Amino acid sequence: MNFFWLLRMKRWAQHPPSRNRVLLVLAVIAICLLLYGIEHWFGWPEALTPAGSGRRGPLLR
């Protein structure tokens, strides 16, 4: 583990984030999990899948 991460953990332990910041992070995580669940159960929409041009790039041979 990097020394700077230890300093960051010490700073977080001494000055924890506010309640609103924690709720914001939890809300963002919940939204991401919700989107993942919707994609997992219903699949990816065909309209959002890019159509391949049939040409391969120089590194994809």
PDB file of N, CA and C in Angstrom:
ATOM      1  N   MET A   1       0.850  -1.172   0.000  1.00  0.00           N
ATOM      2  CA  MET A   1       0.000   0.000   0.000  1.00  0.00           C
ATOM      3  C   MET A   1       0.901   1.243   0.000  1.00  0.00           C
ATOM      4  N   ASN A   2       0.507   2.210  -0.748  1.00  0.00           N
ATOM      5  CA  ASN A   2       1.261   3.432  -0.876  1.00  0.00           C
ATOM      6  C   ASN A   2       1.159   4.272   0.406  1.00  0.00           C
ATOM      7  N   PHE A   3       2.224   4.976   0.728  1.00  0.00           N
ATOM      8  CA  PHE A   3       2.248   5.827   1.926  1.00  0.00           C
ATOM      9  C   PHE A   3       1.188   6.920   1.851  1.00  0.00           C
ATOM     10  N   PHE A   4       0.938   7.445   0.674  1.00  0.00           N
ATOM     11  CA  PHE A   4      -0.049   8.519   0.529  1.00  0.00           C
ATOM     12  C   PHE A   4      -1.468   8.021   0.813  1.00  0.00           C
ATOM     13  N   TRP A   5      -1.735   6.744   0.522  1.00  0.00           N
ATOM     14  CA  TRP A   5      -3.049   6.183   0.860  1.00  0.00           C
ATOM     15  C   TRP A   5      -3.225   6.096   2.367  1.00  0.00           C
ATOM     16  N   LEU A   6      -2.145   5.779   3.072  1.00  0.00           N
ATOM     17  CA  LEU A   6      -2.219   5.751   4.536  1.00  0.00           C
ATOM     18  C   LEU A   6      -2.505   7.142   5.092  1.00  0.00           C
ATOM     19  N   LEU A   7      -1.883   8.155   4.526  1.00  0.00           N
ATOM     20  CA  LEU A   7      -2.158   9.526   4.962  1.00  0.00           C
ATOM     21  C   LEU A   7      -3.600   9.922   4.665  1.00  0.00           C
ATOM     22  N   ARG A   8      -4.109   9.489   3.522  1.00  0.00           N
ATOM     23  CA  ARG A   8      -5.490   9.802   3.166  1.00  0.00           C
ATOM     24  C   ARG A   8      -6.464   9.117   4.129  1.00  0.00           C
ATOM     25  N   MET A   9      -6.179   7.858   4.482  1.00  0.00           N
ATOM     26  CA  MET A   9      -7.031   7.164   5.440  1.00  0.00           C
ATOM     27  C   MET A   9      -6.999   7.839   6.802  1.00  0.00           C
ATOM     28  N   LYS A  10      -5.835   8.318   7.215  1.00  0.00           N
ATOM     29  CA  LYS A  10      -5.714   9.028   8.490  1.00  0.00           C
ATOM     30  C   LYS A  10      -6.548  10.305   8.464  1.00  0.00           C
ATOM     31  N   ARG A  11      -6.477  11.024   7.353  1.00  0.00           N
ATOM     32  CA  ARG A  11      -7.236  12.263   7.220  1.00  0.00           C
ATOM     33  C   ARG A  11      -8.742  11.989   7.244  1.00  0.00           C
ATOM     34  N   TRP A  12      -9.170  10.913   6.585  1.00  0.00           N
ATOM     35  CA  TRP A  12     -10.598  10.552   6.586  1.00  0.00           C
ATOM     36  C   TRP A  12     -11.051  10.141   7.976  1.00  0.00           C
ATOM     37  N   ALA A  13     -10.167   9.446   8.744  1.00  0.00           N
ATOM     38  CA  ALA A  13     -10.535   9.030  10.100  1.00  0.00           C
ATOM     39  C   ALA A  13     -10.666  10.237  11.024  1.00  0.00           C
ATOM     40  N   GLN A  14      -9.829  11.237  10.831  1.00  0.00           N
ATOM     41  CA  GLN A  14      -9.874  12.427  11.684  1.00  0.00           C
ATOM     42  C   GLN A  14     -10.993  13.376  11.268  1.00  0.00           C
ATOM     43  N   HIS A  15     -11.258  13.469   9.986  1.00  0.00           N
ATOM     44  CA  HIS A  15     -12.290  14.365   9.452  1.00  0.00           C
ATOM     45  C   HIS A  15     -13.175  13.586   8.483  1.00  0.00           C
ATOM     46  N   PRO A  16     -14.126  12.822   8.994  1.00  0.00           N
ATOM     47  CA  PRO A  16     -14.966  12.019   8.103  1.00  0.00           C
ATOM     48  C   PRO A  16     -15.835  12.905   7.212  1.00  0.00           C
ATOM     49  N   PRO A  17     -16.264  12.373   6.065  1.00  0.00           N
ATOM     50  CA  PRO A  17     -17.102  13.165   5.157  1.00  0.00           C
ATOM     51  C   PRO A  17     -18.455  13.460   5.789  1.00  0.00           C
ATOM     52  N   SER A  18     -19.095  14.486   5.304  1.00  0.00           N
ATOM     53  CA  SER A  18     -20.392  14.889   5.843  1.00  0.00           C
ATOM     54  C   SER A  18     -21.467  13.861   5.471  1.00  0.00           C
ATOM     55  N   ARG A  19     -22.586  13.957   6.157  1.00  0.00           N
ATOM     56  CA  ARG A  19     -23.700  13.034   5.910  1.00  0.00           C
ATOM     57  C   ARG A  19     -24.206  13.188   4.476  1.00  0.00           C
ATOM     58  N   ASN A  20     -24.263  14.418   3.987  1.00  0.00           N
ATOM     59  CA  ASN A  20     -24.731  14.651   2.619  1.00  0.00           C
ATOM     60  C   ASN A  20     -23.792  14.036   1.591  1.00  0.00           C
ATOM     61  N   ARG A  21     -22.491  14.090   1.836  1.00  0.00           N
ATOM     62  CA  ARG A  21     -21.529  13.489   0.905  1.00  0.00           C
ATOM     63  C   ARG A  21     -21.692  11.972   0.871  1.00  0.00           C
ATOM     64  N   VAL A  22     -21.875  11.365   2.040  1.00  0.00           N
ATOM     65  CA  VAL A  22     -22.069   9.915   2.096  1.00  0.00           C
ATOM     66  C   VAL A  22     -23.344   9.530   1.365  1.00  0.00           C
ATOM     67  N   LEU A  23     -24.427  10.290   1.565  1.00  0.00           N
ATOM     68  CA  LEU A  23     -25.681  10.002   0.877  1.00  0.00           C
ATOM     69  C   LEU A  23     -25.543  10.166  -0.633  1.00  0.00           C
ATOM     70  N   LEU A  24     -24.777  11.152  -1.068  1.00  0.00           N
ATOM     71  CA  LEU A  24     -24.546  11.354  -2.498  1.00  0.00           C
ATOM     72  C   LEU A  24     -23.825  10.152  -3.100  1.00  0.00           C
ATOM     73  N   VAL A  25     -22.783   9.687  -2.430  1.00  0.00           N
ATOM     74  CA  VAL A  25     -22.024   8.537  -2.939  1.00  0.00           C
ATOM     75  C   VAL A  25     -22.906   7.297  -2.977  1.00  0.00           C
ATOM     76  N   LEU A  26     -23.695   7.085  -1.936  1.00  0.00           N
ATOM     77  CA  LEU A  26     -24.593   5.934  -1.917  1.00  0.00           C
ATOM     78  C   LEU A  26     -25.657   6.027  -3.010  1.00  0.00           C
ATOM     79  N   ALA A  27     -26.140   7.228  -3.289  1.00  0.00           N
ATOM     80  CA  ALA A  27     -27.129   7.405  -4.357  1.00  0.00           C
ATOM     81  C   ALA A  27     -26.519   7.100  -5.725  1.00  0.00           C
ATOM     82  N   VAL A  28     -25.304   7.539  -5.959  1.00  0.00           N
ATOM     83  CA  VAL A  28     -24.635   7.260  -7.242  1.00  0.00           C
ATOM     84  C   VAL A  28     -24.409   5.761  -7.408  1.00  0.00           C
ATOM     85  N   ILE A  29     -23.990   5.087  -6.332  1.00  0.00           N
ATOM     86  CA  ILE A  29     -23.790   3.640  -6.397  1.00  0.00           C
ATOM     87  C   ILE A  29     -25.110   2.930  -6.662  1.00  0.00           C
ATOM     88  N   ALA A  30     -26.191   3.383  -6.021  1.00  0.00           N
ATOM     89  CA  ALA A  30     -27.508   2.774  -6.230  1.00  0.00           C
ATOM     90  C   ALA A  30     -27.976   2.949  -7.672  1.00  0.00           C
ATOM     91  N   ILE A  31     -27.752   4.120  -8.248  1.00  0.00           N
ATOM     92  CA  ILE A  31     -28.138   4.363  -9.641  1.00  0.00           C
ATOM     93  C   ILE A  31     -27.345   3.459 -10.580  1.00  0.00           C
ATOM     94  N   CYS A  32     -26.057   3.305 -10.317  1.00  0.00           N
ATOM     95  CA  CYS A  32     -25.236   2.424 -11.157  1.00  0.00           C
ATOM     96  C   CYS A  32     -25.715   0.981 -11.066  1.00  0.00           C
ATOM     97  N   LEU A  33     -26.032   0.528  -9.851  1.00  0.00           N
ATOM     98  CA  LEU A  33     -26.531  -0.843  -9.697  1.00  0.00           C
ATOM     99  C   LEU A  33     -27.888  -1.022 -10.368  1.00  0.00           C
ATOM    100  N   LEU A  34     -28.731  -0.003 -10.299  1.00  0.00           N
ATOM    101  CA  LEU A  34     -30.032  -0.065 -10.963  1.00  0.00           C
ATOM    102  C   LEU A  34     -29.868  -0.172 -12.478  1.00  0.00           C
ATOM    103  N   LEU A  35     -28.993   0.625 -13.048  1.00  0.00           N
ATOM    104  CA  LEU A  35     -28.751   0.559 -14.495  1.00  0.00           C
ATOM    105  C   LEU A  35     -28.172  -0.791 -14.893  1.00  0.00           C
ATOM    106  N   TYR A  36     -27.270  -1.318 -14.077  1.00  0.00           N
ATOM    107  CA  TYR A  36     -26.708  -2.632 -14.366  1.00  0.00           C
ATOM    108  C   TYR A  36     -27.798  -3.704 -14.332  1.00  0.00           C
ATOM    109  N   GLY A  37     -28.669  -3.640 -13.335  1.00  0.00           N
ATOM    110  CA  GLY A  37     -29.746  -4.610 -13.225  1.00  0.00           C
ATOM    111  C   GLY A  37     -30.701  -4.550 -14.405  1.00  0.00           C
ATOM    112  N   ILE A  38     -31.057  -3.341 -14.826  1.00  0.00           N
ATOM    113  CA  ILE A  38     -31.942  -3.187 -15.986  1.00  0.00           C
ATOM    114  C   ILE A  38     -31.290  -3.771 -17.235  1.00  0.00           C
ATOM    115  N   GLU A  39     -29.999  -3.483 -17.430  1.00  0.00           N
ATOM    116  CA  GLU A  39     -29.309  -4.014 -18.601  1.00  0.00           C
ATOM    117  C   GLU A  39     -29.192  -5.533 -18.517  1.00  0.00           C
ATOM    118  N   HIS A  40     -28.970  -6.056 -17.333  1.00  0.00           N
ATOM    119  CA  HIS A  40     -28.813  -7.502 -17.171  1.00  0.00           C
ATOM    120  C   HIS A  40     -30.124  -8.238 -17.443  1.00  0.00           C
ATOM    121  N   TRP A  41     -31.236  -7.719 -16.958  1.00  0.00           N
ATOM    122  CA  TRP A  41     -32.515  -8.411 -17.109  1.00  0.00           C
ATOM    123  C   TRP A  41     -33.163  -8.187 -18.473  1.00  0.00           C
ATOM    124  N   PHE A  42     -33.030  -7.007 -19.028  1.00  0.00           N
ATOM    125  CA  PHE A  42     -33.707  -6.695 -20.287  1.00  0.00           C
ATOM    126  C   PHE A  42     -32.772  -6.684 -21.486  1.00  0.00           C
ATOM    127  N   GLY A  43     -31.489  -6.698 -21.274  1.00  0.00           N
ATOM    128  CA  GLY A  43     -30.532  -6.717 -22.372  1.00  0.00           C
ATOM    129  C   GLY A  43     -30.209  -5.318 -22.871  1.00  0.00           C
ATOM    130  N   TRP A  44     -29.259  -5.277 -23.763  1.00  0.00           N
ATOM    131  CA  TRP A  44     -28.819  -4.015 -24.355  1.00  0.00           C
ATOM    132  C   TRP A  44     -29.689  -3.724 -25.563  1.00  0.00           C
ATOM    133  N   PRO A  45     -30.219  -2.499 -25.700  1.00  0.00           N
ATOM    134  CA  PRO A  45     -31.078  -2.193 -26.850  1.00  0.00           C
ATOM    135  C   PRO A  45     -30.307  -2.270 -28.173  1.00  0.00           C
ATOM    136  N   GLU A  46     -30.933  -2.855 -29.158  1.00  0.00           N
ATOM    137  CA  GLU A  46     -30.301  -2.996 -30.471  1.00  0.00           C
ATOM    138  C   GLU A  46     -30.018  -1.643 -31.102  1.00  0.00           C
ATOM    139  N   ALA A  47     -30.843  -0.651 -30.814  1.00  0.00           N
ATOM    140  CA  ALA A  47     -30.656   0.680 -31.398  1.00  0.00           C
ATOM    141  C   ALA A  47     -29.386   1.357 -30.891  1.00  0.00           C
ATOM    142  N   LEU A  48     -28.885   0.941 -29.727  1.00  0.00           N
ATOM    143  CA  LEU A  48     -27.682   1.560 -29.177  1.00  0.00           C
ATOM    144  C   LEU A  48     -26.410   0.792 -29.511  1.00  0.00           C
ATOM    145  N   THR A  49     -26.527  -0.305 -30.244  1.00  0.00           N
ATOM    146  CA  THR A  49     -25.360  -1.079 -30.650  1.00  0.00           C
ATOM    147  C   THR A  49     -24.808  -0.491 -31.941  1.00  0.00           C
ATOM    148  N   PRO A  50     -23.521  -0.112 -31.945  1.00  0.00           N
ATOM    149  CA  PRO A  50     -22.967   0.467 -33.174  1.00  0.00           C
ATOM    150  C   PRO A  50     -22.865  -0.580 -34.275  1.00  0.00           C
ATOM    151  N   ALA A  51     -23.175  -0.150 -35.481  1.00  0.00           N
ATOM    152  CA  ALA A  51     -23.091  -1.040 -36.638  1.00  0.00           C
ATOM    153  C   ALA A  51     -21.648  -1.054 -37.127  1.00  0.00           C
ATOM    154  N   GLY A  52     -21.114  -2.240 -37.301  1.00  0.00           N
ATOM    155  CA  GLY A  52     -19.747  -2.366 -37.795  1.00  0.00           C
ATOM    156  C   GLY A  52     -19.656  -1.991 -39.269  1.00  0.00           C
ATOM    157  N   SER A  53     -18.546  -1.417 -39.656  1.00  0.00           N
ATOM    158  CA  SER A  53     -18.389  -1.006 -41.051  1.00  0.00           C
ATOM    159  C   SER A  53     -17.857  -2.136 -41.913  1.00  0.00           C
ATOM    160  N   GLY A  54     -17.442  -3.241 -41.279  1.00  0.00           N
ATOM    161  CA  GLY A  54     -16.921  -4.354 -42.066  1.00  0.00           C
ATOM    162  C   GLY A  54     -15.442  -4.226 -42.349  1.00  0.00           C
ATOM    163  N   ARG A  55     -14.868  -3.082 -42.045  1.00  0.00           N
ATOM    164  CA  ARG A  55     -13.433  -2.883 -42.259  1.00  0.00           C
ATOM    165  C   ARG A  55     -12.717  -3.081 -40.939  1.00  0.00           C
ATOM    166  N   ARG A  56     -11.579  -3.719 -41.016  1.00  0.00           N
ATOM    167  CA  ARG A  56     -10.778  -3.914 -39.826  1.00  0.00           C
ATOM    168  C   ARG A  56      -9.658  -2.895 -39.805  1.00  0.00           C
ATOM    169  N   GLY A  57      -9.347  -2.455 -38.602  1.00  0.00           N
ATOM    170  CA  GLY A  57      -8.236  -1.533 -38.456  1.00  0.00           C
ATOM    171  C   GLY A  57      -6.910  -2.257 -38.581  1.00  0.00           C
ATOM    172  N   PRO A  58      -5.800  -1.544 -38.642  1.00  0.00           N
ATOM    173  CA  PRO A  58      -4.499  -2.190 -38.837  1.00  0.00           C
ATOM    174  C   PRO A  58      -4.082  -3.057 -37.652  1.00  0.00           C
ATOM    175  N   LEU A  59      -4.620  -2.791 -36.443  1.00  0.00           N
ATOM    176  CA  LEU A  59      -4.208  -3.563 -35.283  1.00  0.00           C
ATOM    177  C   LEU A  59      -5.175  -4.695 -34.956  1.00  0.00           C
ATOM    178  N   LEU A  60      -6.256  -4.832 -35.698  1.00  0.00           N
ATOM    179  CA  LEU A  60      -7.272  -5.827 -35.379  1.00  0.00           C
ATOM    180  C   LEU A  60      -7.255  -7.025 -36.319  1.00  0.00           C
ATOM    181  N   ARG A  61      -6.167  -7.345 -36.912  1.00  0.00           N
ATOM    182  CA  ARG A  61      -6.099  -8.447 -37.869  1.00  0.00           C
ATOM    183  C   ARG A  61      -6.034  -9.761 -37.198  1.00  0.00           C
TER     184      ARG A  61
END
